[in-house]
């Protein structure tokens, strides 16, 4: 993937993280009002949304530790 789209992927990953946290918070709030368990389900679902959001953002960003950093095609290769 070219370097011109890396910023868009970062924005998408940030939006994914925020939306998962908000969705977890809202789901927990709705379940708390139904079952009268405030604030426990809201906290639990928010934490799960936070963990899931980081996982999705990590997958979306394509971060892999064993992958070497991308280089431009114009950069000459260094010979040992």
C-alpha atoms as a PDB file:
ATOM      1  CA  UNK A   1       0.000   0.000   0.000  1.00  0.00           C
ATOM      2  CA  UNK A   2       1.347   3.396  -0.862  1.00  0.00           C
ATOM      3  CA  UNK A   3       2.194   5.985   1.760  1.00  0.00           C
ATOM      4  CA  UNK A   4      -0.516   8.376   0.599  1.00  0.00           C
ATOM      5  CA  UNK A   5      -3.256   6.234   2.215  1.00  0.00           C
ATOM      6  CA  UNK A   6      -1.619   5.636   5.595  1.00  0.00           C
ATOM      7  CA  UNK A   7      -3.271   8.739   7.069  1.00  0.00           C
ATOM      8  CA  UNK A   8      -6.706   7.576   5.969  1.00  0.00           C
ATOM      9  CA  UNK A   9      -6.146   4.201   7.582  1.00  0.00           C
ATOM     10  CA  UNK A  10      -5.196   5.960  10.812  1.00  0.00           C
ATOM     11  CA  UNK A  11      -8.380   8.013  10.713  1.00  0.00           C
ATOM     12  CA  UNK A  12     -10.422   4.871  10.073  1.00  0.00           C
ATOM     13  CA  UNK A  13      -8.741   3.088  12.971  1.00  0.00           C
ATOM     14  CA  UNK A  14      -9.475   6.013  15.289  1.00  0.00           C
ATOM     15  CA  UNK A  15     -13.097   6.114  14.214  1.00  0.00           C
ATOM     16  CA  UNK A  16     -13.392   2.367  14.767  1.00  0.00           C
ATOM     17  CA  UNK A  17     -11.985   2.689  18.279  1.00  0.00           C
ATOM     18  CA  UNK A  18     -14.316   5.549  19.206  1.00  0.00           C
ATOM     19  CA  UNK A  19     -17.405   3.892  17.747  1.00  0.00           C
ATOM     20  CA  UNK A  20     -16.756   0.607  19.561  1.00  0.00           C
ATOM     21  CA  UNK A  21     -16.385   2.388  22.904  1.00  0.00           C
ATOM     22  CA  UNK A  22     -19.566   4.425  22.354  1.00  0.00           C
ATOM     23  CA  UNK A  23     -21.504   1.343  21.237  1.00  0.00           C
ATOM     24  CA  UNK A  24     -20.367  -0.572  24.321  1.00  0.00           C
ATOM     25  CA  UNK A  25     -21.345   2.310  26.584  1.00  0.00           C
ATOM     26  CA  UNK A  26     -24.806   2.629  25.029  1.00  0.00           C
ATOM     27  CA  UNK A  27     -25.449  -1.109  25.085  1.00  0.00           C
ATOM     28  CA  UNK A  28     -24.429  -1.270  28.745  1.00  0.00           C
ATOM     29  CA  UNK A  29     -26.619   1.715  29.607  1.00  0.00           C
ATOM     30  CA  UNK A  30     -29.640   0.130  27.907  1.00  0.00           C
ATOM     31  CA  UNK A  31     -29.048  -3.191  29.684  1.00  0.00           C
ATOM     32  CA  UNK A  32     -28.634  -1.386  33.019  1.00  0.00           C
ATOM     33  CA  UNK A  33     -31.972   0.357  32.609  1.00  0.00           C
ATOM     34  CA  UNK A  34     -33.665  -2.940  31.716  1.00  0.00           C
ATOM     35  CA  UNK A  35     -32.203  -4.988  34.566  1.00  0.00           C
ATOM     36  CA  UNK A  36     -31.603  -2.265  37.180  1.00  0.00           C
ATOM     37  CA  UNK A  37     -27.933  -3.140  37.636  1.00  0.00           C
ATOM     38  CA  UNK A  38     -26.485   0.370  37.181  1.00  0.00           C
ATOM     39  CA  UNK A  39     -23.569   1.006  36.617  1.00  0.00           C
ATOM     40  CA  UNK A  40     -22.077  -2.492  36.353  1.00  0.00           C
ATOM     41  CA  UNK A  41     -23.201  -3.557  32.885  1.00  0.00           C
ATOM     42  CA  UNK A  42     -22.372  -0.123  31.500  1.00  0.00           C
ATOM     43  CA  UNK A  43     -18.824  -0.383  32.855  1.00  0.00           C
ATOM     44  CA  UNK A  44     -18.434  -3.959  31.637  1.00  0.00           C
ATOM     45  CA  UNK A  45     -19.701  -3.242  28.126  1.00  0.00           C
ATOM     46  CA  UNK A  46     -17.605  -0.066  27.908  1.00  0.00           C
ATOM     47  CA  UNK A  47     -14.488  -2.031  28.859  1.00  0.00           C
ATOM     48  CA  UNK A  48     -15.319  -4.708  26.287  1.00  0.00           C
ATOM     49  CA  UNK A  49     -15.867  -1.995  23.679  1.00  0.00           C
ATOM     50  CA  UNK A  50     -12.499  -0.487  24.564  1.00  0.00           C
ATOM     51  CA  UNK A  51     -10.720  -3.833  24.191  1.00  0.00           C
ATOM     52  CA  UNK A  52     -12.588  -4.683  20.994  1.00  0.00           C
ATOM     53  CA  UNK A  53     -11.938  -1.222  19.580  1.00  0.00           C
ATOM     54  CA  UNK A  54      -8.201  -1.528  20.114  1.00  0.00           C
ATOM     55  CA  UNK A  55      -8.236  -4.981  18.558  1.00  0.00           C
ATOM     56  CA  UNK A  56     -10.120  -3.754  15.478  1.00  0.00           C
ATOM     57  CA  UNK A  57      -7.932  -0.667  15.161  1.00  0.00           C
ATOM     58  CA  UNK A  58      -4.835  -2.847  15.363  1.00  0.00           C
ATOM     59  CA  UNK A  59      -6.172  -5.142  12.648  1.00  0.00           C
ATOM     60  CA  UNK A  60      -7.275  -2.231  10.478  1.00  0.00           C
ATOM     61  CA  UNK A  61      -3.919  -0.517  10.743  1.00  0.00           C
ATOM     62  CA  UNK A  62      -2.211  -3.754   9.743  1.00  0.00           C
ATOM     63  CA  UNK A  63       0.472  -3.494  12.370  1.00  0.00           C
ATOM     64  CA  UNK A  64       2.717  -6.533  12.282  1.00  0.00           C
ATOM     65  CA  UNK A  65       5.900  -6.788  14.278  1.00  0.00           C
ATOM     66  CA  UNK A  66       7.645  -9.174  11.886  1.00  0.00           C
ATOM     67  CA  UNK A  67       7.008  -7.021   8.811  1.00  0.00           C
ATOM     68  CA  UNK A  68       9.831  -4.663   7.789  1.00  0.00           C
ATOM     69  CA  UNK A  69       8.915  -0.987   7.351  1.00  0.00           C
ATOM     70  CA  UNK A  70       7.758  -0.020   3.875  1.00  0.00           C
ATOM     71  CA  UNK A  71      10.190   1.923   1.735  1.00  0.00           C
ATOM     72  CA  UNK A  72       9.681   4.142  -1.258  1.00  0.00           C
ATOM     73  CA  UNK A  73      10.581   2.788  -4.680  1.00  0.00           C
ATOM     74  CA  UNK A  74      12.904   5.770  -5.255  1.00  0.00           C
ATOM     75  CA  UNK A  75      15.144   4.864  -2.331  1.00  0.00           C
ATOM     76  CA  UNK A  76      18.280   3.038  -3.469  1.00  0.00           C
ATOM     77  CA  UNK A  77      19.062  -0.215  -1.717  1.00  0.00           C
ATOM     78  CA  UNK A  78      22.010  -0.211   0.640  1.00  0.00           C
ATOM     79  CA  UNK A  79      24.560  -2.899  -0.025  1.00  0.00           C
ATOM     80  CA  UNK A  80      26.601  -4.293   2.879  1.00  0.00           C
END
